[in-house]
PDB file of N, CA and C in Angstrom:
ATOM      1  N   UNK A   1      14.801  30.081  21.965  1.00  0.00           N
ATOM      2  CA  UNK A   1      16.069  29.729  21.234  1.00  0.00           C
ATOM      3  C   UNK A   1      15.542  29.081  19.922  1.00  0.00           C
ATOM      4  N   UNK A   2      16.614  29.218  18.799  1.00  0.00           N
ATOM      5  CA  UNK A   2      16.358  28.852  17.424  1.00  0.00           C
ATOM      6  C   UNK A   2      17.062  27.449  17.453  1.00  0.00           C
ATOM      7  N   UNK A   3      16.499  26.568  16.384  1.00  0.00           N
ATOM      8  CA  UNK A   3      16.689  25.295  16.299  1.00  0.00           C
ATOM      9  C   UNK A   3      18.609  25.154  16.121  1.00  0.00           C
ATOM     10  N   UNK A   4      18.871  26.021  14.936  1.00  0.00           N
ATOM     11  CA  UNK A   4      20.294  26.171  14.670  1.00  0.00           C
ATOM     12  C   UNK A   4      20.993  26.160  15.816  1.00  0.00           C
ATOM     13  N   UNK A   5      20.720  27.153  16.967  1.00  0.00           N
ATOM     14  CA  UNK A   5      21.485  27.452  18.343  1.00  0.00           C
ATOM     15  C   UNK A   5      21.735  26.187  18.728  1.00  0.00           C
ATOM     16  N   UNK A   6      20.636  25.257  19.286  1.00  0.00           N
ATOM     17  CA  UNK A   6      20.565  24.006  19.716  1.00  0.00           C
ATOM     18  C   UNK A   6      21.378  23.170  19.221  1.00  0.00           C
ATOM     19  N   UNK A   7      21.318  22.985  17.544  1.00  0.00           N
ATOM     20  CA  UNK A   7      22.406  22.198  16.750  1.00  0.00           C
ATOM     21  C   UNK A   7      23.620  22.568  17.198  1.00  0.00           C
ATOM     22  N   UNK A   8      24.142  24.029  17.401  1.00  0.00           N
ATOM     23  CA  UNK A   8      25.396  24.134  17.168  1.00  0.00           C
ATOM     24  C   UNK A   8      25.871  23.794  18.526  1.00  0.00           C
ATOM     25  N   UNK A   9      24.798  24.230  19.607  1.00  0.00           N
ATOM     26  CA  UNK A   9      25.347  23.768  21.257  1.00  0.00           C
ATOM     27  C   UNK A   9      25.688  22.278  21.179  1.00  0.00           C
ATOM     28  N   UNK A  10      24.762  21.504  20.595  1.00  0.00           N
ATOM     29  CA  UNK A  10      24.981  20.152  20.696  1.00  0.00           C
ATOM     30  C   UNK A  10      26.017  19.480  19.928  1.00  0.00           C
ATOM     31  N   UNK A  11      26.409  20.159  18.850  1.00  0.00           N
ATOM     32  CA  UNK A  11      27.715  19.561  18.205  1.00  0.00           C
ATOM     33  C   UNK A  11      29.088  20.204  18.770  1.00  0.00           C
ATOM     34  N   UNK A  12      28.981  21.362  19.585  1.00  0.00           N
ATOM     35  CA  UNK A  12      30.208  21.349  20.390  1.00  0.00           C
ATOM     36  C   UNK A  12      30.533  20.570  21.545  1.00  0.00           C
ATOM     37  N   UNK A  13      29.414  19.715  21.871  1.00  0.00           N
ATOM     38  CA  UNK A  13      29.463  19.044  23.076  1.00  0.00           C
ATOM     39  C   UNK A  13      30.375  17.581  22.644  1.00  0.00           C
ATOM     40  N   UNK A  14      30.465  17.384  21.217  1.00  0.00           N
ATOM     41  CA  UNK A  14      31.331  16.407  20.893  1.00  0.00           C
ATOM     42  C   UNK A  14      32.891  16.659  21.243  1.00  0.00           C
ATOM     43  N   UNK A  15      33.516  15.836  21.797  1.00  0.00           N
ATOM     44  CA  UNK A  15      34.898  15.999  22.494  1.00  0.00           C
ATOM     45  C   UNK A  15      36.079  15.884  20.864  1.00  0.00           C
ATOM     46  N   UNK A  16      37.097  16.639  20.795  1.00  0.00           N
ATOM     47  CA  UNK A  16      37.961  16.594  19.844  1.00  0.00           C
ATOM     48  C   UNK A  16      37.902  17.555  18.846  1.00  0.00           C
ATOM     49  N   UNK A  17      37.368  19.012  19.138  1.00  0.00           N
ATOM     50  CA  UNK A  17      37.156  19.669  18.325  1.00  0.00           C
ATOM     51  C   UNK A  17      38.661  20.499  18.070  1.00  0.00           C
ATOM     52  N   UNK A  18      39.339  20.690  18.881  1.00  0.00           N
ATOM     53  CA  UNK A  18      40.707  21.185  18.737  1.00  0.00           C
ATOM     54  C   UNK A  18      41.559  20.513  17.950  1.00  0.00           C
ATOM     55  N   UNK A  19      41.725  19.256  18.230  1.00  0.00           N
ATOM     56  CA  UNK A  19      42.575  18.171  17.463  1.00  0.00           C
ATOM     57  C   UNK A  19      42.265  17.624  16.128  1.00  0.00           C
ATOM     58  N   UNK A  20      40.792  17.216  16.216  1.00  0.00           N
ATOM     59  CA  UNK A  20      40.207  16.870  14.977  1.00  0.00           C
ATOM     60  C   UNK A  20      39.420  17.793  14.106  1.00  0.00           C
ATOM     61  N   UNK A  21      39.022  18.656  14.577  1.00  0.00           N
ATOM     62  CA  UNK A  21      38.257  19.806  13.732  1.00  0.00           C
ATOM     63  C   UNK A  21      37.107  19.089  13.358  1.00  0.00           C
ATOM     64  N   UNK A  22      36.295  19.023  12.068  1.00  0.00           N
ATOM     65  CA  UNK A  22      35.125  18.513  11.432  1.00  0.00           C
ATOM     66  C   UNK A  22      35.301  16.857  11.546  1.00  0.00           C
ATOM     67  N   UNK A  23      36.295  16.406  11.430  1.00  0.00           N
ATOM     68  CA  UNK A  23      36.500  14.795  11.208  1.00  0.00           C
ATOM     69  C   UNK A  23      36.378  14.060  12.643  1.00  0.00           C
ATOM     70  N   UNK A  24      35.892  14.535  13.666  1.00  0.00           N
ATOM     71  CA  UNK A  24      35.811  13.926  14.895  1.00  0.00           C
ATOM     72  C   UNK A  24      34.576  13.467  14.856  1.00  0.00           C
ATOM     73  N   UNK A  25      33.570  13.574  13.704  1.00  0.00           N
ATOM     74  CA  UNK A  25      32.413  12.827  13.714  1.00  0.00           C
ATOM     75  C   UNK A  25      32.345  11.825  12.967  1.00  0.00           C
ATOM     76  N   UNK A  26      33.536  11.301  12.301  1.00  0.00           N
ATOM     77  CA  UNK A  26      33.771  10.215  11.516  1.00  0.00           C
ATOM     78  C   UNK A  26      33.326   9.127  12.416  1.00  0.00           C
ATOM     79  N   UNK A  27      33.806   8.617  13.653  1.00  0.00           N
ATOM     80  CA  UNK A  27      33.195   7.571  14.292  1.00  0.00           C
ATOM     81  C   UNK A  27      31.815   7.438  14.306  1.00  0.00           C
ATOM     82  N   UNK A  28      30.993   8.309  14.420  1.00  0.00           N
ATOM     83  CA  UNK A  28      29.911   8.343  14.279  1.00  0.00           C
ATOM     84  C   UNK A  28      29.322   7.796  13.240  1.00  0.00           C
ATOM     85  N   UNK A  29      29.676   8.062  12.033  1.00  0.00           N
ATOM     86  CA  UNK A  29      29.401   7.734  10.428  1.00  0.00           C
ATOM     87  C   UNK A  29      29.607   6.387  10.272  1.00  0.00           C
ATOM     88  N   UNK A  30      30.888   5.735  11.038  1.00  0.00           N
ATOM     89  CA  UNK A  30      31.411   4.432  10.894  1.00  0.00           C
ATOM     90  C   UNK A  30      30.165   3.594  11.659  1.00  0.00           C
ATOM     91  N   UNK A  31      29.826   3.710  12.763  1.00  0.00           N
ATOM     92  CA  UNK A  31      29.074   3.093  13.548  1.00  0.00           C
ATOM     93  C   UNK A  31      27.774   3.120  12.942  1.00  0.00           C
ATOM     94  N   UNK A  32      27.266   4.211  12.158  1.00  0.00           N
ATOM     95  CA  UNK A  32      26.000   4.231  11.305  1.00  0.00           C
ATOM     96  C   UNK A  32      25.913   3.398  10.279  1.00  0.00           C
ATOM     97  N   UNK A  33      27.278   3.330   9.585  1.00  0.00           N
ATOM     98  CA  UNK A  33      27.419   2.510   8.321  1.00  0.00           C
ATOM     99  C   UNK A  33      27.317   1.069   8.674  1.00  0.00           C
ATOM    100  N   UNK A  34      27.758   0.467   9.667  1.00  0.00           N
ATOM    101  CA  UNK A  34      28.002  -0.497  10.317  1.00  0.00           C
ATOM    102  C   UNK A  34      26.594  -0.995  10.488  1.00  0.00           C
ATOM    103  N   UNK A  35      25.870  -0.438  11.317  1.00  0.00           N
ATOM    104  CA  UNK A  35      24.461  -0.733  12.105  1.00  0.00           C
ATOM    105  C   UNK A  35      23.701  -0.967  10.653  1.00  0.00           C
ATOM    106  N   UNK A  36      23.739   0.008   9.581  1.00  0.00           N
ATOM    107  CA  UNK A  36      23.207   0.083   8.338  1.00  0.00           C
ATOM    108  C   UNK A  36      23.129  -1.505   7.659  1.00  0.00           C
ATOM    109  N   UNK A  37      24.538  -1.595   7.695  1.00  0.00           N
ATOM    110  CA  UNK A  37      25.035  -2.928   7.117  1.00  0.00           C
ATOM    111  C   UNK A  37      24.561  -4.100   7.713  1.00  0.00           C
ATOM    112  N   UNK A  38      24.264  -4.028   9.210  1.00  0.00           N
ATOM    113  CA  UNK A  38      23.981  -5.264   9.892  1.00  0.00           C
ATOM    114  C   UNK A  38      22.446  -5.443   9.547  1.00  0.00           C
ATOM    115  N   UNK A  39      21.566  -4.302   9.566  1.00  0.00           N
ATOM    116  CA  UNK A  39      20.127  -4.284   9.217  1.00  0.00           C
ATOM    117  C   UNK A  39      19.843  -4.868   8.137  1.00  0.00           C
ATOM    118  N   UNK A  40      20.595  -4.485   7.246  1.00  0.00           N
ATOM    119  CA  UNK A  40      20.257  -5.061   5.790  1.00  0.00           C
ATOM    120  C   UNK A  40      20.719  -6.585   5.766  1.00  0.00           C
ATOM    121  N   UNK A  41      21.778  -6.979   6.267  1.00  0.00           N
ATOM    122  CA  UNK A  41      21.983  -8.547   6.086  1.00  0.00           C
ATOM    123  C   UNK A  41      20.986  -9.348   6.872  1.00  0.00           C
ATOM    124  N   UNK A  42      20.554  -9.133   8.333  1.00  0.00           N
ATOM    125  CA  UNK A  42      20.155  -9.762   9.407  1.00  0.00           C
ATOM    126  C   UNK A  42      18.423  -9.340   9.329  1.00  0.00           C
ATOM    127  N   UNK A  43      17.910  -8.331   9.128  1.00  0.00           N
ATOM    128  CA  UNK A  43      16.746  -7.907   9.384  1.00  0.00           C
ATOM    129  C   UNK A  43      15.635  -8.477   8.027  1.00  0.00           C
ATOM    130  N   UNK A  44      14.611  -9.005   8.482  1.00  0.00           N
ATOM    131  CA  UNK A  44      13.779  -9.495   7.355  1.00  0.00           C
ATOM    132  C   UNK A  44      12.614  -8.644   7.336  1.00  0.00           C
ATOM    133  N   UNK A  45      12.129  -8.349   5.879  1.00  0.00           N
ATOM    134  CA  UNK A  45      11.155  -7.580   5.771  1.00  0.00           C
ATOM    135  C   UNK A  45      10.096  -8.454   4.850  1.00  0.00           C
ATOM    136  N   UNK A  46       9.149  -8.924   5.476  1.00  0.00           N
ATOM    137  CA  UNK A  46       8.513  -9.826   4.786  1.00  0.00           C
ATOM    138  C   UNK A  46       9.203 -11.129   4.722  1.00  0.00           C
ATOM    139  N   UNK A  47       9.694 -12.064   3.673  1.00  0.00           N
ATOM    140  CA  UNK A  47      10.261 -12.810   3.751  1.00  0.00           C
ATOM    141  C   UNK A  47      11.876 -12.843   3.298  1.00  0.00           C
ATOM    142  N   UNK A  48      12.498 -11.877   2.890  1.00  0.00           N
ATOM    143  CA  UNK A  48      13.206 -11.667   2.413  1.00  0.00           C
ATOM    144  C   UNK A  48      14.194 -10.320   3.024  1.00  0.00           C
ATOM    145  N   UNK A  49      15.662 -10.260   2.884  1.00  0.00           N
ATOM    146  CA  UNK A  49      16.464  -9.595   3.287  1.00  0.00           C
ATOM    147  C   UNK A  49      17.107  -8.704   1.866  1.00  0.00           C
ATOM    148  N   UNK A  50      17.509  -7.443   2.287  1.00  0.00           N
ATOM    149  CA  UNK A  50      18.125  -6.904   1.305  1.00  0.00           C
ATOM    150  C   UNK A  50      19.046  -7.524   0.264  1.00  0.00           C
ATOM    151  N   UNK A  51      19.978  -8.535   0.939  1.00  0.00           N
ATOM    152  CA  UNK A  51      20.714  -9.169  -0.091  1.00  0.00           C
ATOM    153  C   UNK A  51      19.953 -10.277  -0.571  1.00  0.00           C
ATOM    154  N   UNK A  52      18.831 -10.839  -0.104  1.00  0.00           N
ATOM    155  CA  UNK A  52      18.272 -11.931  -0.937  1.00  0.00           C
ATOM    156  C   UNK A  52      17.854 -11.323  -2.468  1.00  0.00           C
ATOM    157  N   UNK A  53      17.146 -10.081  -2.374  1.00  0.00           N
ATOM    158  CA  UNK A  53      16.418  -9.309  -3.457  1.00  0.00           C
ATOM    159  C   UNK A  53      17.690  -9.363  -4.520  1.00  0.00           C
ATOM    160  N   UNK A  54      19.062  -8.401  -3.662  1.00  0.00           N
ATOM    161  CA  UNK A  54      20.088  -8.335  -4.474  1.00  0.00           C
ATOM    162  C   UNK A  54      20.469  -9.411  -5.320  1.00  0.00           C
ATOM    163  N   UNK A  55      20.754 -10.642  -4.802  1.00  0.00           N
ATOM    164  CA  UNK A  55      21.430 -11.834  -5.319  1.00  0.00           C
ATOM    165  C   UNK A  55      20.313 -12.323  -6.477  1.00  0.00           C
ATOM    166  N   UNK A  56      19.064 -12.333  -6.072  1.00  0.00           N
ATOM    167  CA  UNK A  56      17.981 -12.693  -7.069  1.00  0.00           C
ATOM    168  C   UNK A  56      18.048 -11.780  -8.412  1.00  0.00           C
ATOM    169  N   UNK A  57      18.087 -10.590  -8.356  1.00  0.00           N
ATOM    170  CA  UNK A  57      18.137  -9.486  -9.229  1.00  0.00           C
ATOM    171  C   UNK A  57      19.262  -9.455 -10.139  1.00  0.00           C
ATOM    172  N   UNK A  58      20.467  -9.715  -9.710  1.00  0.00           N
ATOM    173  CA  UNK A  58      21.750 -10.245 -10.168  1.00  0.00           C
ATOM    174  C   UNK A  58      21.551 -11.431 -10.915  1.00  0.00           C
ATOM    175  N   UNK A  59      21.021 -12.370 -10.472  1.00  0.00           N
ATOM    176  CA  UNK A  59      20.929 -13.736 -11.050  1.00  0.00           C
ATOM    177  C   UNK A  59      19.987 -13.544 -12.412  1.00  0.00           C
ATOM    178  N   UNK A  60      19.028 -12.864 -12.187  1.00  0.00           N
ATOM    179  CA  UNK A  60      18.084 -12.589 -13.171  1.00  0.00           C
ATOM    180  C   UNK A  60      18.542 -11.673 -14.600  1.00  0.00           C
ATOM    181  N   UNK A  61      19.556 -10.714 -14.047  1.00  0.00           N
ATOM    182  CA  UNK A  61      20.298  -9.822 -14.952  1.00  0.00           C
ATOM    183  C   UNK A  61      21.155 -11.076 -16.129  1.00  0.00           C
ATOM    184  N   UNK A  62      21.803 -11.759 -14.971  1.00  0.00           N
ATOM    185  CA  UNK A  62      22.783 -12.766 -15.523  1.00  0.00           C
ATOM    186  C   UNK A  62      22.222 -13.724 -16.783  1.00  0.00           C
ATOM    187  N   UNK A  63      21.118 -14.217 -16.035  1.00  0.00           N
ATOM    188  CA  UNK A  63      20.231 -14.935 -17.020  1.00  0.00           C
ATOM    189  C   UNK A  63      19.738 -14.472 -18.278  1.00  0.00           C
ATOM    190  N   UNK A  64      19.015 -13.248 -18.374  1.00  0.00           N
ATOM    191  CA  UNK A  64      18.632 -12.376 -19.281  1.00  0.00           C
ATOM    192  C   UNK A  64      19.912 -12.109 -20.235  1.00  0.00           C
ATOM    193  N   UNK A  65      21.087 -11.834 -20.165  1.00  0.00           N
ATOM    194  CA  UNK A  65      21.955 -11.393 -20.783  1.00  0.00           C
ATOM    195  C   UNK A  65      22.639 -12.798 -21.524  1.00  0.00           C
ATOM    196  N   UNK A  66      22.399 -13.789 -21.029  1.00  0.00           N
ATOM    197  CA  UNK A  66      22.899 -15.247 -21.615  1.00  0.00           C
ATOM    198  C   UNK A  66      21.901 -15.612 -22.557  1.00  0.00           C
ATOM    199  N   UNK A  67      20.476 -15.300 -22.182  1.00  0.00           N
ATOM    200  CA  UNK A  67      19.669 -15.654 -23.072  1.00  0.00           C
ATOM    201  C   UNK A  67      19.653 -14.756 -24.309  1.00  0.00           C
ATOM    202  N   UNK A  68      19.886 -13.305 -23.962  1.00  0.00           N
ATOM    203  CA  UNK A  68      20.221 -12.414 -25.537  1.00  0.00           C
ATOM    204  C   UNK A  68      21.147 -12.724 -26.198  1.00  0.00           C
ATOM    205  N   UNK A  69      22.379 -13.374 -25.874  1.00  0.00           N
ATOM    206  CA  UNK A  69      23.628 -13.952 -26.496  1.00  0.00           C
ATOM    207  C   UNK A  69      23.448 -15.070 -27.284  1.00  0.00           C
ATOM    208  N   UNK A  70      22.242 -15.791 -26.697  1.00  0.00           N
ATOM    209  CA  UNK A  70      22.036 -17.053 -27.375  1.00  0.00           C
ATOM    210  C   UNK A  70      22.705 -18.435 -26.698  1.00  0.00           C
ATOM    211  N   UNK A  71      23.212 -18.238 -25.510  1.00  0.00           N
ATOM    212  CA  UNK A  71      24.011 -19.242 -24.809  1.00  0.00           C
ATOM    213  C   UNK A  71      22.659 -20.512 -24.305  1.00  0.00           C
TER     214      UNK A  71
END
């Protein structure tokens, strides 16, 4: 059996095909997005989370802009 046939059979098991069509998969993407967000906020890799790095880089950019303007 080909992999594509297995995938098709697995996708047909998701309920709501007649009523929602392709949009029946949206709840899975919402849950996946929420899980990624939780992971980025709460899970530390080394000493930092994703948002620690983001905030640091943002403050560095602001500092560099101020130094270029001569403030």
